[in-house]
Amino acid sequence: MHITLPLAAILLGLPLAAQAEHYVVRTMGQESLPPKWMLRDSRPEGLCPDILAAMEKAEPHLKFTGQDDFRSVPQIEQGLESGSVGAACALLDSERRRKVAFMSSKLYTVRHRLAAAIGDKASVESIDELVRLRPLITTSRGAAYSDQLRVLGLEVDDSTSDNLTNLKKILAGHGRFVYMNELTLAWIIRENKLSDKVRLLPAVLKEEPIFFWISKKADPGAMRLMNSALQKLRASGELARIYERWSNERAAPLPN
């Protein structure tokens, strides 16, 4: 029986198994959300770049691009819908995202807290207390929890995805609290030397899992490799180690 091998395999003298297809998956960085996504010396750093690099190592036929292209969450969602973005790292569950993408592996859990101006002595111990207080809350544009807060009858300003600007808004008296995950809040406060102006309220108001999302228009082969990589990283404990590295003392929540 005559078998025709792929021309590239013949020319290179490589075994057929070495000719497995490679997949390039475009993603986007999420703007103003350290330490999940950061750009330092024109290089992407943070939780998600580390997760994507680990996925490439776990599945060498997988390659991610676009980590240095920082966009808002709505733009990332639009990319998932059109297929111009193949995957999105570390977003909360939402109805919008389920429509345009498949929810893959849980990456880690986020804890939501409030930030207030240092002179504001408010004590909010629960979501119920926040609802009774009914303050204006600033959040990041496109954040899944913005709609969660609105459903509770709270007024939300999510007009910008620049979270440093959101902190400056409450310092200027526009809005009383910033609502966000504590890791990012603590990071922005420290990096911008705002600890004498802004404080984190002690209570954790909500904990939610955060996921890796794959566009419904992604190549099925790329989907399989991404899911396989994430399963390997979870089984080996690497996902937990990556999160722990970015939750070290430098990024830890500020003392209350």
Protein backbone atom coordinates (compact mmCIF):
# COMPACT_ATOMS: atom_id res chain seq x y z
CA MET A 1 0.00 0.00 0.00
CA HIS A 2 1.40 3.38 -1.01
CA ILE A 3 1.25 6.08 1.65
CA THR A 4 1.90 9.73 0.79
CA LEU A 5 3.50 11.68 3.62
CA PRO A 6 3.10 15.45 3.96
CA LEU A 7 5.72 17.19 1.84
CA ALA A 8 7.06 19.18 4.81
CA ALA A 9 7.70 15.96 6.74
CA ILE A 10 9.58 14.45 3.80
CA LEU A 11 11.69 17.55 3.19
CA LEU A 12 12.57 18.04 6.85
CA GLY A 13 13.05 14.39 7.60
CA LEU A 14 10.80 14.69 10.64
CA PRO A 15 8.45 12.03 11.98
CA LEU A 16 4.81 12.55 11.13
CA ALA A 17 3.93 13.11 14.82
CA ALA A 18 6.14 16.19 14.83
CA GLN A 19 3.91 17.82 12.24
CA ALA A 20 1.03 18.41 14.68
CA GLU A 21 -0.83 21.60 13.89
CA HIS A 22 0.05 24.76 15.80
CA TYR A 23 -2.64 27.20 16.90
CA VAL A 24 -2.19 30.93 17.42
CA VAL A 25 -4.87 32.40 19.68
CA ARG A 26 -5.36 36.14 19.99
CA THR A 27 -6.21 37.62 23.36
CA MET A 28 -6.26 41.13 24.82
CA GLY A 29 -4.91 42.62 28.02
CA GLN A 30 -7.45 44.18 30.39
CA GLU A 31 -6.67 47.82 31.02
CA SER A 32 -6.22 49.30 34.48
CA LEU A 33 -6.50 46.04 36.40
CA PRO A 34 -3.17 45.21 38.07
CA PRO A 35 -1.80 42.78 39.01
CA LYS A 36 -3.95 40.71 36.62
CA TRP A 37 -2.64 42.69 33.64
CA MET A 38 0.24 45.17 33.61
CA LEU A 39 2.60 46.64 31.03
CA ARG A 40 6.13 47.34 32.23
CA ASP A 41 8.94 48.44 29.90
CA SER A 42 6.55 47.65 27.02
CA ARG A 43 6.27 44.03 28.21
CA PRO A 44 3.08 42.44 29.56
CA GLU A 45 3.33 41.18 33.15
CA GLY A 46 0.91 39.88 35.73
CA LEU A 47 -1.36 37.02 36.63
CA CYS A 48 -2.79 36.53 33.15
CA PRO A 49 0.47 36.79 31.18
CA ASP A 50 1.90 34.18 33.57
CA ILE A 51 -1.14 31.92 33.10
CA LEU A 52 -0.93 32.23 29.30
CA ALA A 53 2.81 31.47 29.34
CA ALA A 54 2.19 28.41 31.51
CA MET A 55 -0.51 27.24 29.09
CA GLU A 56 1.94 27.53 26.19
CA LYS A 57 4.49 25.49 28.13
CA ALA A 58 1.89 22.83 28.98
CA GLU A 59 0.78 22.60 25.33
CA PRO A 60 3.71 23.62 23.08
CA HIS A 61 1.51 23.70 19.96
CA LEU A 62 -0.44 26.59 21.49
CA LYS A 63 0.65 30.23 21.13
CA PHE A 64 -1.03 33.38 22.45
CA THR A 65 -0.70 36.87 20.97
CA GLY A 66 -2.12 40.28 21.89
CA GLN A 67 -1.13 40.36 25.56
CA ASP A 68 0.27 43.86 25.06
CA ASP A 69 -2.97 45.16 23.50
CA PHE A 70 -4.80 46.60 26.51
CA ARG A 71 -8.53 47.18 26.10
CA SER A 72 -11.70 47.65 28.15
CA VAL A 73 -13.89 44.69 29.08
CA PRO A 74 -16.64 45.65 26.58
CA GLN A 75 -14.04 45.64 23.79
CA ILE A 76 -12.78 42.23 24.90
CA GLU A 77 -16.35 40.91 24.90
CA GLN A 78 -16.93 42.30 21.41
CA GLY A 79 -13.78 40.51 20.25
CA LEU A 80 -14.99 37.22 21.73
CA GLU A 81 -18.31 37.68 19.94
CA SER A 82 -16.76 38.43 16.53
CA GLY A 83 -14.04 35.81 16.90
CA SER A 84 -11.23 38.38 16.52
CA VAL A 85 -10.35 37.48 20.12
CA GLY A 86 -10.03 33.76 20.69
CA ALA A 87 -9.82 33.73 24.47
CA ALA A 88 -10.07 36.00 27.50
CA CYS A 89 -8.20 35.40 30.73
CA ALA A 90 -9.76 35.83 34.15
CA LEU A 91 -13.24 37.30 33.84
CA LEU A 92 -16.23 36.79 36.11
CA ASP A 93 -19.31 34.89 34.99
CA SER A 94 -21.98 36.97 33.26
CA GLU A 95 -24.92 36.44 30.94
CA ARG A 96 -23.22 38.47 28.21
CA ARG A 97 -20.07 36.33 28.34
CA ARG A 98 -22.02 33.07 28.25
CA LYS A 99 -23.64 34.23 25.02
CA VAL A 100 -20.36 34.82 23.20
CA ALA A 101 -17.91 32.39 24.82
CA PHE A 102 -17.50 29.07 26.58
CA MET A 103 -16.63 29.24 30.27
CA SER A 104 -13.56 27.07 30.73
CA SER A 105 -11.53 26.43 33.87
CA LYS A 106 -11.90 28.35 37.11
CA LEU A 107 -8.62 30.21 37.61
CA TYR A 108 -8.98 31.62 41.13
CA THR A 109 -11.44 33.36 43.46
CA VAL A 110 -11.79 37.11 43.90
CA ARG A 111 -12.94 38.92 47.05
CA HIS A 112 -14.87 42.15 46.61
CA ARG A 113 -14.37 45.06 49.00
CA LEU A 114 -15.08 48.76 49.18
CA ALA A 115 -12.61 51.63 49.16
CA ALA A 116 -13.49 55.02 50.65
CA ALA A 117 -11.79 58.35 51.24
CA ILE A 118 -9.62 58.20 54.35
CA GLY A 119 -11.86 60.64 56.21
CA ASP A 120 -15.03 58.62 55.56
CA LYS A 121 -15.65 56.59 58.71
CA ALA A 122 -18.38 54.43 57.16
CA SER A 123 -18.56 50.82 58.30
CA VAL A 124 -20.26 48.51 55.79
CA GLU A 125 -20.27 44.87 56.86
CA SER A 126 -22.47 43.33 54.18
CA ILE A 127 -24.22 43.86 50.87
CA ASP A 128 -27.48 44.36 52.79
CA GLU A 129 -25.93 47.25 54.72
CA LEU A 130 -24.67 48.73 51.46
CA VAL A 131 -28.18 48.56 49.99
CA ARG A 132 -29.64 50.28 53.07
CA LEU A 133 -27.01 53.03 52.82
CA ARG A 134 -27.70 53.52 49.07
CA PRO A 135 -24.51 55.44 48.16
CA LEU A 136 -23.26 56.23 44.68
CA ILE A 137 -20.68 53.54 43.86
CA THR A 138 -17.96 53.75 41.22
CA THR A 139 -16.88 50.59 39.39
CA SER A 140 -14.85 49.69 36.33
CA ARG A 141 -16.63 49.94 32.98
CA GLY A 142 -17.92 46.56 31.84
CA ALA A 143 -17.37 44.85 35.19
CA ALA A 144 -19.87 42.03 35.77
CA TYR A 145 -20.55 43.25 39.30
CA SER A 146 -21.80 46.64 38.05
CA ASP A 147 -25.03 45.01 36.88
CA GLN A 148 -25.16 42.90 40.04
CA LEU A 149 -25.17 46.09 42.11
CA ARG A 150 -27.77 47.76 39.89
CA VAL A 151 -30.10 44.80 40.29
CA LEU A 152 -30.01 45.52 44.02
CA GLY A 153 -31.21 49.08 43.35
CA LEU A 154 -27.84 50.74 43.84
CA GLU A 155 -26.65 53.69 41.76
CA VAL A 156 -23.45 52.83 39.89
CA ASP A 157 -21.03 55.02 37.95
CA ASP A 158 -19.08 52.77 35.58
CA SER A 159 -18.29 55.42 33.00
CA THR A 160 -14.55 54.64 32.92
CA SER A 161 -12.35 51.56 33.10
CA ASP A 162 -9.47 53.59 34.56
CA ASN A 163 -9.52 52.48 38.17
CA LEU A 164 -7.08 55.12 39.38
CA THR A 165 -9.56 57.67 38.05
CA ASN A 166 -12.32 55.88 39.96
CA LEU A 167 -10.37 56.27 43.21
CA LYS A 168 -9.78 59.95 42.44
CA LYS A 169 -13.51 60.37 41.87
CA ILE A 170 -14.37 59.44 45.45
CA LEU A 171 -11.59 61.73 46.70
CA ALA A 172 -13.26 64.54 44.75
CA GLY A 173 -16.65 63.70 46.25
CA HIS A 174 -18.11 62.02 43.16
CA GLY A 175 -19.35 58.78 44.60
CA ARG A 176 -18.77 57.46 48.09
CA PHE A 177 -17.20 54.06 47.46
CA VAL A 178 -15.20 52.16 44.85
CA TYR A 179 -16.30 48.53 44.58
CA MET A 180 -13.70 46.11 43.23
CA ASN A 181 -11.61 43.04 43.98
CA GLU A 182 -9.35 43.63 46.95
CA LEU A 183 -6.13 42.54 45.23
CA THR A 184 -6.44 45.21 42.54
CA LEU A 185 -7.63 47.89 44.96
CA ALA A 186 -4.70 47.28 47.30
CA TRP A 187 -2.26 47.22 44.38
CA ILE A 188 -3.46 50.51 42.90
CA ILE A 189 -3.49 52.24 46.29
CA ARG A 190 0.08 51.13 47.02
CA GLU A 191 1.52 51.75 43.55
CA ASN A 192 0.07 55.26 43.47
CA LYS A 193 0.94 56.09 47.10
CA LEU A 194 -2.67 56.76 48.07
CA SER A 195 -2.67 54.99 51.44
CA ASP A 196 -2.89 58.36 53.22
CA LYS A 197 -5.94 59.30 51.14
CA VAL A 198 -7.86 56.06 50.56
CA ARG A 199 -8.71 53.15 52.84
CA LEU A 200 -10.10 49.68 52.24
CA LEU A 201 -13.12 48.85 54.34
CA PRO A 202 -12.49 45.60 56.27
CA ALA A 203 -15.50 43.54 55.19
CA VAL A 204 -15.43 41.18 52.23
CA LEU A 205 -18.81 41.76 50.60
CA LYS A 206 -18.69 38.91 48.11
CA GLU A 207 -16.45 36.12 46.84
CA GLU A 208 -16.72 34.90 43.25
CA PRO A 209 -14.81 32.48 41.03
CA ILE A 210 -13.10 33.90 37.97
CA PHE A 211 -12.77 31.94 34.74
CA PHE A 212 -10.91 31.49 31.47
CA TRP A 213 -13.23 32.17 28.50
CA ILE A 214 -12.95 30.74 24.97
CA SER A 215 -14.75 32.38 22.04
CA LYS A 216 -17.51 30.28 20.53
CA LYS A 217 -15.89 31.07 17.17
CA ALA A 218 -12.45 29.75 18.14
CA ASP A 219 -10.96 26.86 16.20
CA PRO A 220 -12.06 23.52 17.77
CA GLY A 221 -8.45 22.33 17.80
CA ALA A 222 -7.36 25.44 19.67
CA MET A 223 -10.24 24.93 22.11
CA ARG A 224 -9.05 21.41 22.86
CA LEU A 225 -5.49 22.56 23.48
CA MET A 226 -6.57 25.43 25.75
CA ASN A 227 -8.80 23.18 27.83
CA SER A 228 -6.08 20.53 28.00
CA ALA A 229 -3.49 23.09 29.14
CA LEU A 230 -5.77 24.44 31.85
CA GLN A 231 -6.57 20.94 33.11
CA LYS A 232 -2.84 20.18 33.35
CA LEU A 233 -2.12 23.44 35.21
CA ARG A 234 -4.94 22.84 37.66
CA ALA A 235 -3.93 19.22 38.30
CA SER A 236 -0.28 20.17 38.87
CA GLY A 237 -1.17 23.06 41.20
CA GLU A 238 0.48 25.59 38.88
CA LEU A 239 -2.63 27.79 38.65
CA ALA A 240 -2.67 28.09 42.44
CA ARG A 241 1.07 28.83 42.52
CA ILE A 242 0.74 31.60 39.94
CA TYR A 243 -2.03 33.26 41.95
CA GLU A 244 0.00 32.92 45.15
CA ARG A 245 3.02 34.61 43.54
CA TRP A 246 0.92 37.67 42.72
CA SER A 247 -0.78 37.65 46.12
CA ASN A 248 2.50 38.02 47.99
CA GLU A 249 3.31 40.63 50.58
CA ARG A 250 3.67 43.43 48.02
CA ALA A 251 0.15 42.86 46.69
CA ALA A 252 -1.49 41.77 49.94
CA PRO A 253 -4.54 43.68 51.22
CA LEU A 254 -3.71 46.85 53.11
CA PRO A 255 -4.04 46.77 56.90
CA ASN A 256 -7.35 48.16 58.15
